[in-house]
Protein backbone atom coordinates (compact mmCIF):
# COMPACT_ATOMS: atom_id res chain seq x y z
CA MET A 1 -14.72 -60.93 -153.41
CA ALA A 2 -16.86 -59.85 -156.37
CA ALA A 3 -14.47 -57.04 -157.29
CA ARG A 4 -11.41 -59.30 -157.29
CA THR A 5 -13.08 -62.00 -159.39
CA ALA A 6 -15.25 -59.95 -161.74
CA SER A 7 -14.03 -61.75 -164.84
CA ARG A 8 -14.58 -65.23 -163.47
CA LYS A 9 -17.59 -67.15 -164.72
CA ILE A 10 -20.03 -68.93 -162.45
CA THR A 11 -19.00 -72.60 -162.29
CA HIS A 12 -20.26 -73.58 -158.84
CA SER A 13 -19.75 -77.29 -158.23
CA ALA A 14 -23.42 -77.82 -157.34
CA ARG A 15 -24.45 -76.89 -160.89
CA THR A 16 -24.10 -80.01 -162.98
CA ALA A 17 -26.18 -79.04 -166.00
CA SER A 18 -24.43 -78.69 -169.37
CA ASN A 19 -24.55 -74.90 -169.04
CA PRO A 20 -23.62 -73.95 -165.46
CA SER A 21 -25.13 -70.47 -165.85
CA GLU A 22 -28.60 -71.73 -166.70
CA PRO A 23 -29.77 -72.63 -163.14
CA VAL A 24 -28.48 -69.30 -161.80
CA GLY A 25 -30.17 -67.38 -164.61
CA ARG A 26 -33.43 -69.18 -163.89
CA GLN A 27 -33.22 -68.16 -160.23
CA VAL A 28 -32.56 -64.56 -161.24
CA ARG A 29 -35.68 -64.59 -163.42
CA GLU A 30 -37.84 -66.16 -160.70
CA LEU A 31 -36.65 -63.74 -158.02
CA ARG A 32 -37.01 -60.72 -160.34
CA ARG A 33 -40.62 -61.70 -161.06
CA SER A 34 -41.35 -62.31 -157.37
CA ARG A 35 -40.17 -58.74 -156.71
CA GLY A 36 -42.56 -57.43 -159.39
CA LEU A 37 -39.76 -56.08 -161.61
CA THR A 38 -39.66 -56.19 -165.40
CA LEU A 39 -36.57 -56.98 -167.44
CA THR A 40 -36.28 -53.27 -168.18
CA ASP A 41 -36.47 -52.35 -164.48
CA LEU A 42 -33.66 -54.70 -163.49
CA ALA A 43 -31.51 -54.01 -166.55
CA THR A 44 -31.64 -50.27 -165.87
CA ALA A 45 -30.80 -50.78 -162.18
CA ILE A 46 -27.66 -52.85 -162.91
CA GLY A 47 -26.52 -50.87 -165.95
CA ARG A 48 -27.02 -53.61 -168.55
CA SER A 49 -29.11 -53.80 -171.71
CA VAL A 50 -32.45 -55.62 -171.67
CA GLY A 51 -31.14 -58.03 -174.32
CA HIS A 52 -28.06 -58.88 -172.28
CA LEU A 53 -30.09 -59.47 -169.10
CA SER A 54 -32.53 -61.67 -171.04
CA GLU A 55 -29.60 -63.79 -172.25
CA LEU A 56 -28.29 -64.10 -168.69
CA GLU A 57 -31.67 -65.28 -167.41
CA ARG A 58 -31.96 -67.85 -170.21
CA GLY A 59 -28.44 -69.13 -169.67
CA VAL A 60 -27.37 -68.12 -173.17
CA CYS A 61 -24.32 -66.25 -171.88
CA PRO A 62 -22.33 -66.74 -168.65
CA ILE A 63 -22.86 -64.62 -165.54
CA THR A 64 -19.84 -63.05 -163.87
CA LEU A 65 -19.68 -62.59 -160.10
CA ASP A 66 -19.52 -58.85 -160.68
CA THR A 67 -22.89 -58.86 -162.49
CA LEU A 68 -24.47 -61.35 -160.08
CA ASP A 69 -23.44 -59.17 -157.15
CA LYS A 70 -25.19 -56.15 -158.73
CA ILE A 71 -28.32 -58.24 -159.37
CA ALA A 72 -28.33 -59.54 -155.79
CA ARG A 73 -28.03 -56.03 -154.36
CA THR A 74 -30.87 -54.76 -156.56
CA LEU A 75 -33.14 -57.68 -155.63
CA ASP A 76 -32.24 -57.24 -151.93
CA VAL A 77 -30.70 -60.66 -151.31
CA SER A 78 -27.27 -61.95 -150.40
CA ILE A 79 -25.26 -63.25 -153.38
CA SER A 80 -25.07 -66.59 -151.55
CA TRP A 81 -28.85 -66.93 -151.97
CA PHE A 82 -28.29 -68.10 -155.55
CA PHE A 83 -26.12 -71.00 -154.40
CA SER A 84 -27.87 -72.03 -151.19
CA ALA A 85 -30.03 -74.78 -152.66
CA PRO A 86 -28.85 -77.73 -154.79
CA SER A 87 -30.24 -77.93 -158.30
CA SER A 88 -32.92 -80.41 -159.33
CA GLU A 89 -30.30 -82.22 -161.42
CA ASP A 90 -28.60 -83.24 -158.16
CA LEU A 91 -31.70 -83.99 -156.10
CA PRO A 92 -34.91 -84.71 -158.07
CA GLU A 93 -37.02 -84.21 -154.93
CA THR A 94 -36.16 -80.48 -154.86
CA GLU A 95 -38.86 -79.93 -157.49
CA TYR A 96 -41.35 -80.60 -154.67
CA ILE A 97 -39.51 -80.61 -151.33
CA VAL A 98 -37.52 -78.06 -149.31
CA ARG A 99 -35.47 -79.58 -146.48
CA LYS A 100 -35.02 -77.46 -143.36
CA ASP A 101 -31.27 -77.15 -143.87
CA SER A 102 -31.67 -76.21 -147.56
CA ARG A 103 -33.96 -73.20 -147.25
CA ARG A 104 -32.95 -70.10 -149.18
CA GLN A 105 -32.58 -67.15 -146.87
CA ILE A 106 -33.66 -63.77 -148.13
CA ASN A 107 -31.68 -61.10 -146.31
CA LEU A 108 -33.75 -57.92 -146.29
CA SER A 109 -32.20 -54.54 -145.68
CA GLN A 110 -34.80 -53.90 -142.99
CA SER A 111 -32.91 -54.64 -139.76
CA GLY A 112 -34.29 -57.42 -137.62
CA VAL A 113 -36.18 -59.24 -140.36
CA ARG A 114 -35.22 -62.64 -141.77
CA GLU A 115 -37.14 -64.47 -144.48
CA GLU A 116 -36.70 -68.05 -145.65
CA LEU A 117 -38.27 -69.47 -148.78
CA LEU A 118 -40.37 -72.55 -147.97
CA SER A 119 -41.47 -73.15 -151.57
CA PRO A 120 -39.14 -75.19 -153.82
CA HIS A 121 -39.34 -72.52 -156.55
CA LEU A 122 -40.96 -69.18 -157.38
CA THR A 123 -42.83 -70.09 -160.53
CA GLY A 124 -45.93 -71.89 -159.20
CA GLU A 125 -49.39 -70.70 -158.22
CA LEU A 126 -48.40 -70.62 -154.54
CA GLU A 127 -45.43 -69.28 -152.59
CA MET A 128 -44.65 -69.84 -148.90
CA VAL A 129 -42.19 -67.83 -146.83
CA LEU A 130 -41.10 -68.13 -143.20
CA THR A 131 -40.58 -64.66 -141.71
CA THR A 132 -38.92 -63.91 -138.37
CA PHE A 133 -39.31 -60.44 -136.85
CA ALA A 134 -36.94 -59.61 -134.00
CA PRO A 135 -38.47 -57.68 -131.07
CA GLY A 136 -39.46 -54.22 -132.29
CA ALA A 137 -38.75 -55.04 -135.95
CA GLY A 138 -41.32 -54.62 -138.71
CA THR A 139 -41.99 -53.64 -142.29
CA GLY A 140 -41.13 -49.98 -141.73
CA GLU A 141 -43.18 -46.86 -142.42
CA GLU A 142 -43.86 -47.75 -146.05
CA GLY A 143 -45.27 -51.18 -145.22
CA ARG A 144 -45.82 -53.73 -147.98
CA LEU A 145 -47.89 -53.37 -151.13
CA ARG A 146 -49.86 -56.51 -151.94
CA LYS A 147 -49.77 -57.81 -155.52
CA GLY A 148 -51.95 -60.84 -154.86
CA ASP A 149 -53.88 -62.52 -152.05
CA GLU A 150 -51.80 -63.08 -148.91
CA GLY A 151 -52.34 -65.02 -145.73
CA GLY A 152 -50.33 -66.01 -142.70
CA PHE A 153 -50.14 -68.18 -139.59
CA ILE A 154 -48.45 -66.97 -136.40
CA VAL A 155 -46.15 -69.79 -135.28
CA SER A 156 -44.82 -67.98 -132.22
CA GLY A 157 -44.72 -64.52 -130.68
CA GLN A 158 -47.03 -61.58 -131.36
CA LEU A 159 -47.75 -59.63 -134.52
CA GLU A 160 -49.24 -56.15 -134.77
CA LEU A 161 -50.95 -56.06 -138.17
CA ARG A 162 -52.28 -52.80 -139.61
CA ILE A 163 -54.58 -52.95 -142.64
CA ASP A 164 -55.72 -49.50 -143.73
CA ASP A 165 -56.98 -47.89 -140.48
CA GLN A 166 -57.40 -51.16 -138.60
CA ILE A 167 -54.74 -52.27 -136.09
CA ILE A 168 -55.00 -55.91 -134.98
CA LEU A 169 -52.87 -57.77 -132.43
CA LEU A 170 -52.32 -61.40 -133.32
CA GLU A 171 -50.96 -64.13 -131.03
CA ALA A 172 -49.39 -67.54 -131.66
CA GLY A 173 -51.95 -69.83 -133.29
CA ASP A 174 -53.86 -66.99 -134.97
CA SER A 175 -54.09 -66.72 -138.75
CA PHE A 176 -55.13 -64.07 -141.25
CA GLN A 177 -55.89 -63.48 -144.92
CA MET A 178 -55.84 -60.24 -146.94
CA PRO A 179 -57.20 -59.43 -150.43
CA GLY A 180 -54.84 -58.89 -153.35
CA ASN A 181 -54.72 -55.12 -153.27
CA GLY A 182 -53.79 -52.40 -150.83
CA ARG A 183 -50.97 -51.99 -148.34
CA HIS A 184 -50.35 -53.40 -144.88
CA TRP A 185 -47.85 -52.94 -142.05
CA CYS A 186 -46.41 -55.50 -139.64
CA ARG A 187 -44.53 -55.07 -136.38
CA ASN A 188 -43.37 -57.29 -133.55
CA PRO A 189 -44.51 -55.53 -130.35
CA GLY A 190 -43.29 -58.29 -128.05
CA GLU A 191 -40.01 -59.19 -126.33
CA ALA A 192 -39.43 -62.46 -128.20
CA ASP A 193 -39.06 -63.26 -131.92
CA THR A 194 -42.25 -63.44 -133.96
CA VAL A 195 -42.31 -66.26 -136.50
CA ILE A 196 -44.89 -66.29 -139.30
CA VAL A 197 -45.61 -68.65 -142.19
CA TRP A 198 -46.80 -66.52 -145.12
CA SER A 199 -48.74 -67.81 -148.12
CA PHE A 200 -48.87 -65.81 -151.35
CA GLY A 201 -51.28 -66.41 -154.21
CA ALA A 202 -50.35 -66.32 -157.87
CA THR A 203 -49.40 -62.97 -159.36
CA ASN A 204 -49.42 -62.05 -163.04
CA TYR A 205 -46.27 -60.46 -164.46
């Protein structure tokens, strides 16, 4: 779809602001920062100049589907992620509330892992994510590098959590918290889905 409509500008009907690219650009900026990438990092990855990417994020110039597709791939989400939630101009409550049916899904390349954003935006001091690990799925050999304090609550299933040389088996109802440095690994060792509510502290970019 992106290839056939590369020259079309984003004019999704849910965007009712005067500049329809502004809400999308804001989401790009928030997601880029949540991934720990600088403007230079993302611009290099998608083959654009830093100035051009900055203008896209600020809504100064329109975003084509071709460019948005490249950004989505680099940030490891589906292109539909940028359109999955109505803007605050349509529903004022979305500044504070995320309805179950309006969660943004983050589709990771790691097979068997689904993440849904529980926070209404990615610019506050706190972020919450609902993660579902299919049986046998996990964070992979590289694990995850922490860039701020993290904690979680096991809603259902089991979670094998490795922090440094410590391997801990967590069950439904257990919770955990880790300091804002180091790396950890997660894996679902059970036969049913593992569902976790993660909480992430503020990170400086």
